[in-house]
């Protein structure tokens, strides 16, 4: 197997069928020998991919909640600006958040989406407003005027 990049690329293209067969055999042998271990390996690999995609998408849309500033990835989601998330998912055939993240990556992070924590995202969806926004408005109204 060549060590320099260009020759490695050529060798890989010339030996694609053999490489694919060896990989397929490895998975087959591992699965037959230790099914539970194989499932754990595949599940961990898929979780790493989902987590990586979520992080990429959240970072592309600002890295924190547009409303409250929450930045912990465990709490983050993607919000459709102006609503319409269900309609969009139906039109695109998306059934889960991870598919939405993959769609956003494939479509080069289109406008009309924003990073939101689950609390802000769900309250916008169910209530039509976020309590944080109401709190900010109330704080402006209650602020005492400065003496003359």
Protein backbone atom coordinates (compact mmCIF):
# COMPACT_ATOMS: atom_id res chain seq x y z
CA UNK A 1 0.00 0.00 0.00
CA UNK A 2 1.51 3.38 -1.04
CA UNK A 3 2.30 6.04 1.53
CA UNK A 4 1.99 9.29 -0.43
CA UNK A 5 -1.44 10.81 -0.90
CA UNK A 6 -1.74 10.68 -4.70
CA UNK A 7 -0.56 7.09 -5.04
CA UNK A 8 -2.79 6.05 -2.13
CA UNK A 9 -5.77 7.58 -3.92
CA UNK A 10 -4.96 5.70 -7.13
CA UNK A 11 -4.38 2.43 -5.24
CA UNK A 12 -7.68 2.85 -3.39
CA UNK A 13 -9.59 3.42 -6.63
CA UNK A 14 -7.94 0.39 -8.25
CA UNK A 15 -8.70 -1.83 -5.25
CA UNK A 16 -12.15 -0.52 -4.28
CA UNK A 17 -13.93 -3.89 -4.64
CA UNK A 18 -11.36 -5.70 -2.49
CA UNK A 19 -11.47 -2.97 0.18
CA UNK A 20 -15.27 -3.08 0.28
CA UNK A 21 -15.27 -6.88 0.49
CA UNK A 22 -12.78 -6.90 3.36
CA UNK A 23 -14.80 -4.31 5.26
CA UNK A 24 -17.98 -6.24 4.68
CA UNK A 25 -16.33 -9.46 5.85
CA UNK A 26 -15.04 -7.76 8.99
CA UNK A 27 -18.53 -6.56 9.94
CA UNK A 28 -19.98 -9.97 9.15
CA UNK A 29 -17.40 -11.84 11.29
CA UNK A 30 -17.73 -9.37 14.18
CA UNK A 31 -21.52 -9.58 14.07
CA UNK A 32 -21.51 -13.40 14.04
CA UNK A 33 -18.89 -13.68 16.80
CA UNK A 34 -20.28 -11.08 19.24
CA UNK A 35 -23.66 -9.68 18.25
CA UNK A 36 -24.14 -7.60 21.43
CA UNK A 37 -20.65 -6.15 21.12
CA UNK A 38 -21.26 -5.43 17.45
CA UNK A 39 -24.55 -3.61 18.22
CA UNK A 40 -22.83 -1.59 20.96
CA UNK A 41 -20.06 -0.66 18.49
CA UNK A 42 -22.54 0.41 15.79
CA UNK A 43 -24.74 2.31 18.26
CA UNK A 44 -21.74 4.20 19.67
CA UNK A 45 -20.54 5.02 16.15
CA UNK A 46 -23.99 6.33 15.15
CA UNK A 47 -24.29 8.38 18.35
CA UNK A 48 -20.92 10.04 17.67
CA UNK A 49 -22.15 10.91 14.16
CA UNK A 50 -25.46 12.32 15.46
CA UNK A 51 -23.70 14.37 18.16
CA UNK A 52 -21.14 15.69 15.65
CA UNK A 53 -23.89 16.72 13.19
CA UNK A 54 -25.92 18.43 15.94
CA UNK A 55 -22.85 20.36 17.11
CA UNK A 56 -22.05 21.46 13.54
CA UNK A 57 -25.60 22.69 12.92
CA UNK A 58 -25.97 24.49 16.26
CA UNK A 59 -22.59 26.22 15.73
CA UNK A 60 -23.63 27.24 12.20
CA UNK A 61 -26.74 28.94 13.60
CA UNK A 62 -24.96 30.90 16.33
CA UNK A 63 -24.04 28.30 18.96
CA UNK A 64 -26.52 29.50 21.57
CA UNK A 65 -30.24 30.06 22.04
CA UNK A 66 -31.41 33.14 20.17
CA UNK A 67 -33.74 34.01 23.08
CA UNK A 68 -32.12 33.18 26.42
CA UNK A 69 -28.49 32.58 25.43
CA UNK A 70 -28.35 28.94 26.65
CA UNK A 71 -25.31 27.29 25.06
CA UNK A 72 -25.16 23.77 26.53
CA UNK A 73 -25.46 21.40 23.58
CA UNK A 74 -27.63 18.97 25.54
CA UNK A 75 -30.40 21.61 25.70
CA UNK A 76 -30.13 22.88 22.14
CA UNK A 77 -32.38 22.31 19.13
CA UNK A 78 -33.18 23.99 15.82
CA UNK A 79 -36.19 26.27 15.50
CA UNK A 80 -37.95 27.13 12.25
CA UNK A 81 -38.21 30.93 12.29
CA UNK A 82 -41.86 31.87 12.02
CA UNK A 83 -43.04 28.31 12.72
CA UNK A 84 -43.84 25.75 10.05
CA UNK A 85 -41.58 22.98 11.35
CA UNK A 86 -44.14 20.20 10.93
CA UNK A 87 -44.96 21.31 7.39
CA UNK A 88 -41.27 21.46 6.49
CA UNK A 89 -40.58 17.99 7.91
CA UNK A 90 -43.53 16.51 6.00
CA UNK A 91 -42.46 18.15 2.73
CA UNK A 92 -38.89 16.89 3.06
CA UNK A 93 -39.80 13.48 4.50
CA UNK A 94 -37.88 14.07 7.72
CA UNK A 95 -38.95 12.02 10.73
CA UNK A 96 -36.41 12.92 13.44
CA UNK A 97 -34.15 15.72 14.62
CA UNK A 98 -31.05 13.93 13.36
CA UNK A 99 -32.53 13.85 9.84
CA UNK A 100 -33.21 17.58 10.07
CA UNK A 101 -29.57 18.18 11.05
CA UNK A 102 -28.38 16.11 8.07
CA UNK A 103 -30.78 18.00 5.76
CA UNK A 104 -29.44 21.36 7.02
CA UNK A 105 -25.84 20.24 6.44
CA UNK A 106 -26.64 18.91 2.93
CA UNK A 107 -28.39 22.19 2.06
CA UNK A 108 -25.52 24.34 3.36
CA UNK A 109 -27.36 25.77 6.40
CA UNK A 110 -30.17 27.68 4.65
CA UNK A 111 -31.75 30.77 6.22
CA UNK A 112 -35.04 30.49 8.10
CA UNK A 113 -33.65 28.45 10.99
CA UNK A 114 -32.09 29.40 14.31
CA UNK A 115 -30.57 27.73 17.35
CA UNK A 116 -32.96 27.55 20.32
CA UNK A 117 -32.95 25.74 23.63
CA UNK A 118 -35.74 23.18 24.08
CA UNK A 119 -37.60 25.43 26.56
CA UNK A 120 -37.75 28.40 24.21
CA UNK A 121 -38.45 26.23 21.15
CA UNK A 122 -41.31 24.29 22.78
CA UNK A 123 -42.91 27.35 24.37
CA UNK A 124 -42.89 29.10 20.97
CA UNK A 125 -44.49 26.03 19.40
CA UNK A 126 -47.13 25.43 22.06
CA UNK A 127 -47.79 28.93 23.41
CA UNK A 128 -46.82 31.11 20.49
CA UNK A 129 -44.43 33.13 22.66
CA UNK A 130 -41.45 32.57 24.90
CA UNK A 131 -41.73 33.48 28.60
CA UNK A 132 -38.25 34.99 28.44
CA UNK A 133 -39.54 37.61 25.98
CA UNK A 134 -42.43 38.47 28.29
CA UNK A 135 -39.99 38.80 31.21
CA UNK A 136 -37.81 41.19 29.20
CA UNK A 137 -40.85 43.27 28.24
CA UNK A 138 -42.05 43.38 31.87
CA UNK A 139 -38.59 44.45 33.05
CA UNK A 140 -38.66 47.39 30.64
CA UNK A 141 -42.13 48.47 31.81
CA UNK A 142 -41.39 48.15 35.54
CA UNK A 143 -38.06 49.98 35.42
CA UNK A 144 -38.43 53.14 37.54
CA UNK A 145 -37.72 56.45 35.90
CA UNK A 146 -34.63 58.36 36.86
CA UNK A 147 -35.19 61.41 39.11
CA UNK A 148 -35.14 64.81 37.36
